[in-house]
Amino acid sequence: MSTDDADDLIFKALSHRIRRRMLDALKAGPATTGALCTTFPELDRCTVMQHLGVLEEAGLVVAERRGRERWNHLDALPVHAIHERWIGPYAAYAVNMLSRLKQEMELSE
């Protein structure tokens, strides 16, 4: 799978508010699928599982079987990779542009 394909999966996974809320819930620590169902009472178990499948496919969640339970763990490395590739460089560019604008404004005073 190419880097662009992997990025597409991550952006797709992050595009839905429920999946972002699930990741927020998993920041506190691993949770069983049942616990996530309790956290999202507006969703049925099948829908929770579908969202977890999208997160898993994107590499944002790693599932571990312990007996009859499925424990879901957050993997933040894909988000970090997106930050390094997209957010960091664009933020640096924006700061640079604002700094130049400030300098130009100070010179024109």
PDB file of N, CA and C in Angstrom:
ATOM      1  N   MET A   1       0.851  -1.169   0.000  1.00  0.00           N
ATOM      2  CA  MET A   1       0.000   0.000   0.000  1.00  0.00           C
ATOM      3  C   MET A   1       0.903   1.241   0.000  1.00  0.00           C
ATOM      4  N   SER A   2       0.593   2.190  -0.857  1.00  0.00           N
ATOM      5  CA  SER A   2       1.394   3.404  -0.938  1.00  0.00           C
ATOM      6  C   SER A   2       1.100   4.313   0.254  1.00  0.00           C
ATOM      7  N   THR A   3       1.999   5.259   0.473  1.00  0.00           N
ATOM      8  CA  THR A   3       1.811   6.228   1.554  1.00  0.00           C
ATOM      9  C   THR A   3       0.533   7.021   1.344  1.00  0.00           C
ATOM     10  N   ASP A   4       0.261   7.396   0.081  1.00  0.00           N
ATOM     11  CA  ASP A   4      -0.963   8.155  -0.198  1.00  0.00           C
ATOM     12  C   ASP A   4      -2.207   7.342   0.126  1.00  0.00           C
ATOM     13  N   ASP A   5      -2.186   6.039  -0.195  1.00  0.00           N
ATOM     14  CA  ASP A   5      -3.328   5.179   0.124  1.00  0.00           C
ATOM     15  C   ASP A   5      -3.530   5.083   1.636  1.00  0.00           C
ATOM     16  N   ALA A   6      -2.427   4.943   2.362  1.00  0.00           N
ATOM     17  CA  ALA A   6      -2.510   4.861   3.823  1.00  0.00           C
ATOM     18  C   ALA A   6      -3.041   6.176   4.396  1.00  0.00           C
ATOM     19  N   ASP A   7      -2.565   7.297   3.862  1.00  0.00           N
ATOM     20  CA  ASP A   7      -3.063   8.600   4.322  1.00  0.00           C
ATOM     21  C   ASP A   7      -4.553   8.739   4.041  1.00  0.00           C
ATOM     22  N   ASP A   8      -5.001   8.263   2.870  1.00  0.00           N
ATOM     23  CA  ASP A   8      -6.430   8.326   2.547  1.00  0.00           C
ATOM     24  C   ASP A   8      -7.260   7.572   3.580  1.00  0.00           C
ATOM     25  N   LEU A   9      -6.770   6.396   4.004  1.00  0.00           N
ATOM     26  CA  LEU A   9      -7.493   5.615   5.011  1.00  0.00           C
ATOM     27  C   LEU A   9      -7.562   6.361   6.343  1.00  0.00           C
ATOM     28  N   ILE A  10      -6.470   7.020   6.708  1.00  0.00           N
ATOM     29  CA  ILE A  10      -6.442   7.767   7.970  1.00  0.00           C
ATOM     30  C   ILE A  10      -7.405   8.945   7.910  1.00  0.00           C
ATOM     31  N   PHE A  11      -7.343   9.716   6.815  1.00  0.00           N
ATOM     32  CA  PHE A  11      -8.244  10.863   6.688  1.00  0.00           C
ATOM     33  C   PHE A  11      -9.705  10.420   6.643  1.00  0.00           C
ATOM     34  N   LYS A  12      -9.976   9.295   5.970  1.00  0.00           N
ATOM     35  CA  LYS A  12     -11.347   8.770   5.942  1.00  0.00           C
ATOM     36  C   LYS A  12     -11.796   8.413   7.356  1.00  0.00           C
ATOM     37  N   ALA A  13     -10.917   7.740   8.102  1.00  0.00           N
ATOM     38  CA  ALA A  13     -11.269   7.342   9.465  1.00  0.00           C
ATOM     39  C   ALA A  13     -11.520   8.554  10.349  1.00  0.00           C
ATOM     40  N   LEU A  14     -10.728   9.590  10.185  1.00  0.00           N
ATOM     41  CA  LEU A  14     -10.857  10.786  11.017  1.00  0.00           C
ATOM     42  C   LEU A  14     -12.000  11.697  10.573  1.00  0.00           C
ATOM     43  N   SER A  15     -12.581  11.414   9.425  1.00  0.00           N
ATOM     44  CA  SER A  15     -13.609  12.308   8.880  1.00  0.00           C
ATOM     45  C   SER A  15     -14.955  12.201   9.607  1.00  0.00           C
ATOM     46  N   HIS A  16     -15.163  11.138  10.349  1.00  0.00           N
ATOM     47  CA  HIS A  16     -16.451  10.938  11.014  1.00  0.00           C
ATOM     48  C   HIS A  16     -16.326  11.275  12.498  1.00  0.00           C
ATOM     49  N   ARG A  17     -17.255  12.090  12.990  1.00  0.00           N
ATOM     50  CA  ARG A  17     -17.178  12.559  14.384  1.00  0.00           C
ATOM     51  C   ARG A  17     -17.251  11.423  15.392  1.00  0.00           C
ATOM     52  N   ILE A  18     -18.008  10.377  15.116  1.00  0.00           N
ATOM     53  CA  ILE A  18     -18.093   9.250  16.063  1.00  0.00           C
ATOM     54  C   ILE A  18     -16.735   8.570  16.180  1.00  0.00           C
ATOM     55  N   ARG A  19     -16.060   8.385  15.048  1.00  0.00           N
ATOM     56  CA  ARG A  19     -14.742   7.742  15.097  1.00  0.00           C
ATOM     57  C   ARG A  19     -13.734   8.626  15.847  1.00  0.00           C
ATOM     58  N   ARG A  20     -13.821   9.941  15.667  1.00  0.00           N
ATOM     59  CA  ARG A  20     -12.929  10.834  16.427  1.00  0.00           C
ATOM     60  C   ARG A  20     -13.243  10.734  17.916  1.00  0.00           C
ATOM     61  N   ARG A  21     -14.522  10.644  18.260  1.00  0.00           N
ATOM     62  CA  ARG A  21     -14.907  10.491  19.671  1.00  0.00           C
ATOM     63  C   ARG A  21     -14.422   9.149  20.228  1.00  0.00           C
ATOM     64  N   MET A  22     -14.457   8.107  19.407  1.00  0.00           N
ATOM     65  CA  MET A  22     -13.942   6.806  19.843  1.00  0.00           C
ATOM     66  C   MET A  22     -12.445   6.897  20.132  1.00  0.00           C
ATOM     67  N   LEU A  23     -11.716   7.567  19.259  1.00  0.00           N
ATOM     68  CA  LEU A  23     -10.279   7.735  19.496  1.00  0.00           C
ATOM     69  C   LEU A  23     -10.045   8.536  20.769  1.00  0.00           C
ATOM     70  N   ASP A  24     -10.855   9.572  20.990  1.00  0.00           N
ATOM     71  CA  ASP A  24     -10.739  10.337  22.230  1.00  0.00           C
ATOM     72  C   ASP A  24     -10.969   9.441  23.444  1.00  0.00           C
ATOM     73  N   ALA A  25     -11.951   8.565  23.351  1.00  0.00           N
ATOM     74  CA  ALA A  25     -12.236   7.646  24.460  1.00  0.00           C
ATOM     75  C   ALA A  25     -11.065   6.697  24.697  1.00  0.00           C
ATOM     76  N   LEU A  26     -10.401   6.280  23.626  1.00  0.00           N
ATOM     77  CA  LEU A  26      -9.290   5.339  23.758  1.00  0.00           C
ATOM     78  C   LEU A  26      -7.997   6.015  24.207  1.00  0.00           C
ATOM     79  N   LYS A  27      -7.948   7.346  24.183  1.00  0.00           N
ATOM     80  CA  LYS A  27      -6.761   8.044  24.699  1.00  0.00           C
ATOM     81  C   LYS A  27      -6.566   7.751  26.176  1.00  0.00           C
ATOM     82  N   ALA A  28      -7.654   7.558  26.896  1.00  0.00           N
ATOM     83  CA  ALA A  28      -7.576   7.284  28.331  1.00  0.00           C
ATOM     84  C   ALA A  28      -7.027   5.884  28.609  1.00  0.00           C
ATOM     85  N   GLY A  29      -7.078   5.018  27.613  1.00  0.00           N
ATOM     86  CA  GLY A  29      -6.582   3.654  27.769  1.00  0.00           C
ATOM     87  C   GLY A  29      -7.420   2.699  26.961  1.00  0.00           C
ATOM     88  N   PRO A  30      -6.942   1.463  26.816  1.00  0.00           N
ATOM     89  CA  PRO A  30      -7.678   0.462  26.042  1.00  0.00           C
ATOM     90  C   PRO A  30      -9.074   0.240  26.617  1.00  0.00           C
ATOM     91  N   ALA A  31      -9.993  -0.126  25.740  1.00  0.00           N
ATOM     92  CA  ALA A  31     -11.373  -0.392  26.165  1.00  0.00           C
ATOM     93  C   ALA A  31     -11.911  -1.582  25.385  1.00  0.00           C
ATOM     94  N   THR A  32     -12.776  -2.322  26.030  1.00  0.00           N
ATOM     95  CA  THR A  32     -13.435  -3.423  25.330  1.00  0.00           C
ATOM     96  C   THR A  32     -14.477  -2.838  24.385  1.00  0.00           C
ATOM     97  N   THR A  33     -14.871  -3.650  23.432  1.00  0.00           N
ATOM     98  CA  THR A  33     -15.923  -3.218  22.518  1.00  0.00           C
ATOM     99  C   THR A  33     -17.208  -2.965  23.296  1.00  0.00           C
ATOM    100  N   GLY A  34     -17.490  -3.787  24.290  1.00  0.00           N
ATOM    101  CA  GLY A  34     -18.674  -3.585  25.125  1.00  0.00           C
ATOM    102  C   GLY A  34     -18.642  -2.254  25.848  1.00  0.00           C
ATOM    103  N   ALA A  35     -17.470  -1.880  26.354  1.00  0.00           N
ATOM    104  CA  ALA A  35     -17.343  -0.588  27.036  1.00  0.00           C
ATOM    105  C   ALA A  35     -17.573   0.560  26.057  1.00  0.00           C
ATOM    106  N   LEU A  36     -17.077   0.411  24.832  1.00  0.00           N
ATOM    107  CA  LEU A  36     -17.315   1.456  23.829  1.00  0.00           C
ATOM    108  C   LEU A  36     -18.794   1.536  23.467  1.00  0.00           C
ATOM    109  N   CYS A  37     -19.459   0.405  23.440  1.00  0.00           N
ATOM    110  CA  CYS A  37     -20.910   0.414  23.186  1.00  0.00           C
ATOM    111  C   CYS A  37     -21.632   1.177  24.287  1.00  0.00           C
ATOM    112  N   THR A  38     -21.174   1.026  25.523  1.00  0.00           N
ATOM    113  CA  THR A  38     -21.768   1.752  26.644  1.00  0.00           C
ATOM    114  C   THR A  38     -21.479   3.250  26.528  1.00  0.00           C
ATOM    115  N   THR A  39     -20.289   3.586  26.043  1.00  0.00           N
ATOM    116  CA  THR A  39     -19.901   4.989  25.877  1.00  0.00           C
ATOM    117  C   THR A  39     -20.734   5.678  24.800  1.00  0.00           C
ATOM    118  N   PHE A  40     -21.187   4.895  23.818  1.00  0.00           N
ATOM    119  CA  PHE A  40     -21.976   5.434  22.701  1.00  0.00           C
ATOM    120  C   PHE A  40     -23.345   4.770  22.654  1.00  0.00           C
ATOM    121  N   PRO A  41     -24.200   5.087  23.623  1.00  0.00           N
ATOM    122  CA  PRO A  41     -25.499   4.418  23.705  1.00  0.00           C
ATOM    123  C   PRO A  41     -26.413   4.715  22.513  1.00  0.00           C
ATOM    124  N   GLU A  42     -26.114   5.769  21.758  1.00  0.00           N
ATOM    125  CA  GLU A  42     -26.929   6.101  20.595  1.00  0.00           C
ATOM    126  C   GLU A  42     -26.668   5.159  19.416  1.00  0.00           C
ATOM    127  N   LEU A  43     -25.620   4.323  19.540  1.00  0.00           N
ATOM    128  CA  LEU A  43     -25.259   3.388  18.474  1.00  0.00           C
ATOM    129  C   LEU A  43     -25.517   1.956  18.910  1.00  0.00           C
ATOM    130  N   ASP A  44     -25.906   1.120  17.956  1.00  0.00           N
ATOM    131  CA  ASP A  44     -26.010  -0.302  18.281  1.00  0.00           C
ATOM    132  C   ASP A  44     -24.622  -0.938  18.142  1.00  0.00           C
ATOM    133  N   ARG A  45     -24.485  -2.141  18.656  1.00  0.00           N
ATOM    134  CA  ARG A  45     -23.182  -2.816  18.677  1.00  0.00           C
ATOM    135  C   ARG A  45     -22.615  -2.992  17.267  1.00  0.00           C
ATOM    136  N   CYS A  46     -23.464  -3.297  16.312  1.00  0.00           N
ATOM    137  CA  CYS A  46     -23.012  -3.494  14.930  1.00  0.00           C
ATOM    138  C   CYS A  46     -22.380  -2.218  14.377  1.00  0.00           C
ATOM    139  N   THR A  47     -22.985  -1.079  14.658  1.00  0.00           N
ATOM    140  CA  THR A  47     -22.460   0.199  14.174  1.00  0.00           C
ATOM    141  C   THR A  47     -21.130   0.523  14.844  1.00  0.00           C
ATOM    142  N   VAL A  48     -21.020   0.264  16.144  1.00  0.00           N
ATOM    143  CA  VAL A  48     -19.749   0.463  16.847  1.00  0.00           C
ATOM    144  C   VAL A  48     -18.672  -0.400  16.198  1.00  0.00           C
ATOM    145  N   MET A  49     -18.993  -1.646  15.910  1.00  0.00           N
ATOM    146  CA  MET A  49     -18.037  -2.555  15.279  1.00  0.00           C
ATOM    147  C   MET A  49     -17.629  -2.058  13.883  1.00  0.00           C
ATOM    148  N   GLN A  50     -18.570  -1.519  13.129  1.00  0.00           N
ATOM    149  CA  GLN A  50     -18.240  -0.990  11.804  1.00  0.00           C
ATOM    150  C   GLN A  50     -17.269   0.181  11.920  1.00  0.00           C
ATOM    151  N   HIS A  51     -17.521   1.083  12.860  1.00  0.00           N
ATOM    152  CA  HIS A  51     -16.612   2.214  13.058  1.00  0.00           C
ATOM    153  C   HIS A  51     -15.230   1.725  13.509  1.00  0.00           C
ATOM    154  N   LEU A  52     -15.203   0.755  14.406  1.00  0.00           N
ATOM    155  CA  LEU A  52     -13.921   0.199  14.843  1.00  0.00           C
ATOM    156  C   LEU A  52     -13.176  -0.452  13.676  1.00  0.00           C
ATOM    157  N   GLY A  53     -13.917  -1.077  12.763  1.00  0.00           N
ATOM    158  CA  GLY A  53     -13.298  -1.681  11.582  1.00  0.00           C
ATOM    159  C   GLY A  53     -12.608  -0.646  10.712  1.00  0.00           C
ATOM    160  N   VAL A  54     -13.236   0.509  10.532  1.00  0.00           N
ATOM    161  CA  VAL A  54     -12.624   1.587   9.745  1.00  0.00           C
ATOM    162  C   VAL A  54     -11.370   2.099  10.453  1.00  0.00           C
ATOM    163  N   LEU A  55     -11.450   2.263  11.771  1.00  0.00           N
ATOM    164  CA  LEU A  55     -10.289   2.722  12.538  1.00  0.00           C
ATOM    165  C   LEU A  55      -9.152   1.705  12.497  1.00  0.00           C
ATOM    166  N   GLU A  56      -9.516   0.431  12.547  1.00  0.00           N
ATOM    167  CA  GLU A  56      -8.515  -0.630  12.461  1.00  0.00           C
ATOM    168  C   GLU A  56      -7.844  -0.661  11.094  1.00  0.00           C
ATOM    169  N   GLU A  57      -8.646  -0.544  10.052  1.00  0.00           N
ATOM    170  CA  GLU A  57      -8.111  -0.561   8.688  1.00  0.00           C
ATOM    171  C   GLU A  57      -7.120   0.583   8.472  1.00  0.00           C
ATOM    172  N   ALA A  58      -7.367   1.714   9.123  1.00  0.00           N
ATOM    173  CA  ALA A  58      -6.483   2.872   9.004  1.00  0.00           C
ATOM    174  C   ALA A  58      -5.267   2.756   9.921  1.00  0.00           C
ATOM    175  N   GLY A  59      -5.250   1.736  10.777  1.00  0.00           N
ATOM    176  CA  GLY A  59      -4.125   1.556  11.689  1.00  0.00           C
ATOM    177  C   GLY A  59      -4.200   2.411  12.939  1.00  0.00           C
ATOM    178  N   LEU A  60      -5.355   3.019  13.184  1.00  0.00           N
ATOM    179  CA  LEU A  60      -5.517   3.880  14.355  1.00  0.00           C
ATOM    180  C   LEU A  60      -5.931   3.106  15.600  1.00  0.00           C
ATOM    181  N   VAL A  61      -6.464   1.920  15.409  1.00  0.00           N
ATOM    182  CA  VAL A  61      -6.873   1.057  16.523  1.00  0.00           C
ATOM    183  C   VAL A  61      -6.291  -0.334  16.274  1.00  0.00           C
ATOM    184  N   VAL A  62      -5.761  -0.907  17.335  1.00  0.00           N
ATOM    185  CA  VAL A  62      -5.261  -2.282  17.293  1.00  0.00           C
ATOM    186  C   VAL A  62      -6.139  -3.090  18.239  1.00  0.00           C
ATOM    187  N   ALA A  63      -6.712  -4.159  17.720  1.00  0.00           N
ATOM    188  CA  ALA A  63      -7.599  -5.001  18.532  1.00  0.00           C
ATOM    189  C   ALA A  63      -6.825  -6.197  19.065  1.00  0.00           C
ATOM    190  N   GLU A  64      -7.107  -6.520  20.314  1.00  0.00           N
ATOM    191  CA  GLU A  64      -6.466  -7.664  20.972  1.00  0.00           C
ATOM    192  C   GLU A  64      -7.560  -8.527  21.587  1.00  0.00           C
ATOM    193  N   ARG A  65      -7.542  -9.806  21.281  1.00  0.00           N
ATOM    194  CA  ARG A  65      -8.513 -10.743  21.851  1.00  0.00           C
ATOM    195  C   ARG A  65      -7.976 -11.269  23.168  1.00  0.00           C
ATOM    196  N   ARG A  66      -8.812 -11.179  24.201  1.00  0.00           N
ATOM    197  CA  ARG A  66      -8.509 -11.792  25.503  1.00  0.00           C
ATOM    198  C   ARG A  66      -9.722 -12.611  25.873  1.00  0.00           C
ATOM    199  N   GLY A  67      -9.650 -13.881  25.618  1.00  0.00           N
ATOM    200  CA  GLY A  67     -10.806 -14.739  25.857  1.00  0.00           C
ATOM    201  C   GLY A  67     -11.947 -14.322  24.954  1.00  0.00           C
ATOM    202  N   ARG A  68     -13.078 -14.002  25.547  1.00  0.00           N
ATOM    203  CA  ARG A  68     -14.251 -13.590  24.768  1.00  0.00           C
ATOM    204  C   ARG A  68     -14.285 -12.084  24.524  1.00  0.00           C
ATOM    205  N   GLU A  69     -13.344 -11.372  25.152  1.00  0.00           N
ATOM    206  CA  GLU A  69     -13.351  -9.918  25.021  1.00  0.00           C
ATOM    207  C   GLU A  69     -12.405  -9.454  23.921  1.00  0.00           C
ATOM    208  N   ARG A  70     -12.784  -8.352  23.332  1.00  0.00           N
ATOM    209  CA  ARG A  70     -11.945  -7.708  22.322  1.00  0.00           C
ATOM    210  C   ARG A  70     -11.542  -6.357  22.906  1.00  0.00           C
ATOM    211  N   TRP A  71     -10.248  -6.188  23.163  1.00  0.00           N
ATOM    212  CA  TRP A  71      -9.726  -4.944  23.707  1.00  0.00           C
ATOM    213  C   TRP A  71      -9.204  -4.093  22.559  1.00  0.00           C
ATOM    214  N   ASN A  72      -9.604  -2.833  22.544  1.00  0.00           N
ATOM    215  CA  ASN A  72      -9.225  -1.902  21.484  1.00  0.00           C
ATOM    216  C   ASN A  72      -8.213  -0.908  22.038  1.00  0.00           C
ATOM    217  N   HIS A  73      -7.074  -0.817  21.363  1.00  0.00           N
ATOM    218  CA  HIS A  73      -5.978   0.048  21.777  1.00  0.00           C
ATOM    219  C   HIS A  73      -5.779   1.138  20.736  1.00  0.00           C
ATOM    220  N   LEU A  74      -5.554   2.355  21.193  1.00  0.00           N
ATOM    221  CA  LEU A  74      -5.239   3.461  20.305  1.00  0.00           C
ATOM    222  C   LEU A  74      -3.801   3.321  19.824  1.00  0.00           C
ATOM    223  N   ASP A  75      -3.577   3.518  18.534  1.00  0.00           N
ATOM    224  CA  ASP A  75      -2.230   3.619  17.978  1.00  0.00           C
ATOM    225  C   ASP A  75      -2.116   5.022  17.393  1.00  0.00           C
ATOM    226  N   ALA A  76      -1.403   5.891  18.080  1.00  0.00           N
ATOM    227  CA  ALA A  76      -1.314   7.301  17.677  1.00  0.00           C
ATOM    228  C   ALA A  76      -0.251   7.548  16.617  1.00  0.00           C
ATOM    229  N   LEU A  77       0.537   6.542  16.263  1.00  0.00           N
ATOM    230  CA  LEU A  77       1.605   6.756  15.278  1.00  0.00           C
ATOM    231  C   LEU A  77       1.099   7.243  13.922  1.00  0.00           C
ATOM    232  N   PRO A  78      -0.011   6.718  13.395  1.00  0.00           N
ATOM    233  CA  PRO A  78      -0.498   7.259  12.116  1.00  0.00           C
ATOM    234  C   PRO A  78      -0.889   8.738  12.206  1.00  0.00           C
ATOM    235  N   VAL A  79      -1.432   9.159  13.336  1.00  0.00           N
ATOM    236  CA  VAL A  79      -1.784  10.575  13.506  1.00  0.00           C
ATOM    237  C   VAL A  79      -0.503  11.406  13.550  1.00  0.00           C
ATOM    238  N   HIS A  80       0.511  10.899  14.221  1.00  0.00           N
ATOM    239  CA  HIS A  80       1.800  11.592  14.272  1.00  0.00           C
ATOM    240  C   HIS A  80       2.392  11.733  12.867  1.00  0.00           C
ATOM    241  N   ALA A  81       2.286  10.687  12.074  1.00  0.00           N
ATOM    242  CA  ALA A  81       2.812  10.740  10.703  1.00  0.00           C
ATOM    243  C   ALA A  81       2.077  11.801   9.879  1.00  0.00           C
ATOM    244  N   ILE A  82       0.764  11.894  10.049  1.00  0.00           N
ATOM    245  CA  ILE A  82      -0.016  12.932   9.361  1.00  0.00           C
ATOM    246  C   ILE A  82       0.449  14.311   9.822  1.00  0.00           C
ATOM    247  N   HIS A  83       0.679  14.456  11.110  1.00  0.00           N
ATOM    248  CA  HIS A  83       1.160  15.737  11.643  1.00  0.00           C
ATOM    249  C   HIS A  83       2.503  16.105  11.022  1.00  0.00           C
ATOM    250  N   GLU A  84       3.408  15.146  10.991  1.00  0.00           N
ATOM    251  CA  GLU A  84       4.739  15.408  10.445  1.00  0.00           C
ATOM    252  C   GLU A  84       4.683  15.783   8.963  1.00  0.00           C
ATOM    253  N   ARG A  85       3.826  15.118   8.213  1.00  0.00           N
ATOM    254  CA  ARG A  85       3.770  15.356   6.774  1.00  0.00           C
ATOM    255  C   ARG A  85       2.962  16.598   6.413  1.00  0.00           C
ATOM    256  N   TRP A  86       1.850  16.820   7.089  1.00  0.00           N
ATOM    257  CA  TRP A  86       0.928  17.872   6.678  1.00  0.00           C
ATOM    258  C   TRP A  86       0.864  19.052   7.631  1.00  0.00           C
ATOM    259  N   ILE A  87       0.566  18.812   8.881  1.00  0.00           N
ATOM    260  CA  ILE A  87       0.263  19.898   9.799  1.00  0.00           C
ATOM    261  C   ILE A  87       1.512  20.706  10.152  1.00  0.00           C
ATOM    262  N   GLY A  88       2.587  20.025  10.531  1.00  0.00           N
ATOM    263  CA  GLY A  88       3.821  20.715  10.906  1.00  0.00           C
ATOM    264  C   GLY A  88       4.339  21.652   9.821  1.00  0.00           C
ATOM    265  N   PRO A  89       4.529  21.155   8.596  1.00  0.00           N
ATOM    266  CA  PRO A  89       5.040  22.036   7.535  1.00  0.00           C
ATOM    267  C   PRO A  89       4.098  23.195   7.198  1.00  0.00           C
ATOM    268  N   TYR A  90       2.790  22.942   7.200  1.00  0.00           N
ATOM    269  CA  TYR A  90       1.850  24.028   6.908  1.00  0.00           C
ATOM    270  C   TYR A  90       1.823  25.051   8.029  1.00  0.00           C
ATOM    271  N   ALA A  91       1.939  24.605   9.266  1.00  0.00           N
ATOM    272  CA  ALA A  91       1.987  25.535  10.398  1.00  0.00           C
ATOM    273  C   ALA A  91       3.253  26.381  10.324  1.00  0.00           C
ATOM    274  N   ALA A  92       4.385  25.763   9.985  1.00  0.00           N
ATOM    275  CA  ALA A  92       5.640  26.513   9.852  1.00  0.00           C
ATOM    276  C   ALA A  92       5.528  27.541   8.731  1.00  0.00           C
ATOM    277  N   TYR A  93       4.909  27.166   7.637  1.00  0.00           N
ATOM    278  CA  TYR A  93       4.703  28.089   6.523  1.00  0.00           C
ATOM    279  C   TYR A  93       3.838  29.277   6.965  1.00  0.00           C
ATOM    280  N   ALA A  94       2.764  29.010   7.681  1.00  0.00           N
ATOM    281  CA  ALA A  94       1.870  30.075   8.144  1.00  0.00           C
ATOM    282  C   ALA A  94       2.592  31.017   9.107  1.00  0.00           C
ATOM    283  N   VAL A  95       3.377  30.473  10.018  1.00  0.00           N
ATOM    284  CA  VAL A  95       4.121  31.302  10.969  1.00  0.00           C
ATOM    285  C   VAL A  95       5.117  32.173  10.218  1.00  0.00           C
ATOM    286  N   ASN A  96       5.789  31.600   9.225  1.00  0.00           N
ATOM    287  CA  ASN A  96       6.746  32.352   8.424  1.00  0.00           C
ATOM    288  C   ASN A  96       6.058  33.505   7.699  1.00  0.00           C
ATOM    289  N   MET A  97       4.889  33.236   7.107  1.00  0.00           N
ATOM    290  CA  MET A  97       4.140  34.277   6.391  1.00  0.00           C
ATOM    291  C   MET A  97       3.698  35.388   7.342  1.00  0.00           C
ATOM    292  N   LEU A  98       3.218  35.033   8.522  1.00  0.00           N
ATOM    293  CA  LEU A  98       2.801  36.040   9.502  1.00  0.00           C
ATOM    294  C   LEU A  98       3.990  36.865   9.989  1.00  0.00           C
ATOM    295  N   SER A  99       5.126  36.229  10.147  1.00  0.00           N
ATOM    296  CA  SER A  99       6.328  36.941  10.569  1.00  0.00           C
ATOM    297  C   SER A  99       6.752  37.954   9.507  1.00  0.00           C
ATOM    298  N   ARG A 100       6.713  37.544   8.249  1.00  0.00           N
ATOM    299  CA  ARG A 100       7.063  38.475   7.163  1.00  0.00           C
ATOM    300  C   ARG A 100       6.064  39.621   7.085  1.00  0.00           C
ATOM    301  N   LEU A 101       4.787  39.326   7.264  1.00  0.00           N
ATOM    302  CA  LEU A 101       3.765  40.366   7.244  1.00  0.00           C
ATOM    303  C   LEU A 101       4.001  41.369   8.371  1.00  0.00           C
ATOM    304  N   LYS A 102       4.330  40.869   9.555  1.00  0.00           N
ATOM    305  CA  LYS A 102       4.612  41.737  10.695  1.00  0.00           C
ATOM    306  C   LYS A 102       5.809  42.628  10.409  1.00  0.00           C
ATOM    307  N   GLN A 103       6.854  42.066   9.829  1.00  0.00           N
ATOM    308  CA  GLN A 103       8.042  42.857   9.494  1.00  0.00           C
ATOM    309  C   GLN A 103       7.710  43.945   8.482  1.00  0.00           C
ATOM    310  N   GLU A 104       6.924  43.607   7.483  1.00  0.00           N
ATOM    311  CA  GLU A 104       6.525  44.581   6.463  1.00  0.00           C
ATOM    312  C   GLU A 104       5.682  45.695   7.075  1.00  0.00           C
ATOM    313  N   MET A 105       4.806  45.346   7.987  1.00  0.00           N
ATOM    314  CA  MET A 105       3.960  46.340   8.640  1.00  0.00           C
ATOM    315  C   MET A 105       4.799  47.281   9.504  1.00  0.00           C
ATOM    316  N   GLU A 106       5.795  46.725  10.200  1.00  0.00           N
ATOM    317  CA  GLU A 106       6.662  47.550  11.042  1.00  0.00           C
ATOM    318  C   GLU A 106       7.516  48.480  10.205  1.00  0.00           C
ATOM    319  N   LEU A 107       7.952  48.025   9.022  1.00  0.00           N
ATOM    320  CA  LEU A 107       8.768  48.858   8.143  1.00  0.00           C
ATOM    321  C   LEU A 107       7.959  49.993   7.541  1.00  0.00           C
ATOM    322  N   SER A 108       6.671  49.768   7.302  1.00  0.00           N
ATOM    323  CA  SER A 108       5.840  50.772   6.654  1.00  0.00           C
ATOM    324  C   SER A 108       5.341  51.827   7.642  1.00  0.00           C
ATOM    325  N   GLU A 109       5.550  51.634   8.938  1.00  0.00           N
ATOM    326  CA  GLU A 109       5.072  52.611   9.941  1.00  0.00           C
ATOM    327  C   GLU A 109       5.943  53.827   9.991  1.00  0.00           C
TER     328      GLU A 109
END
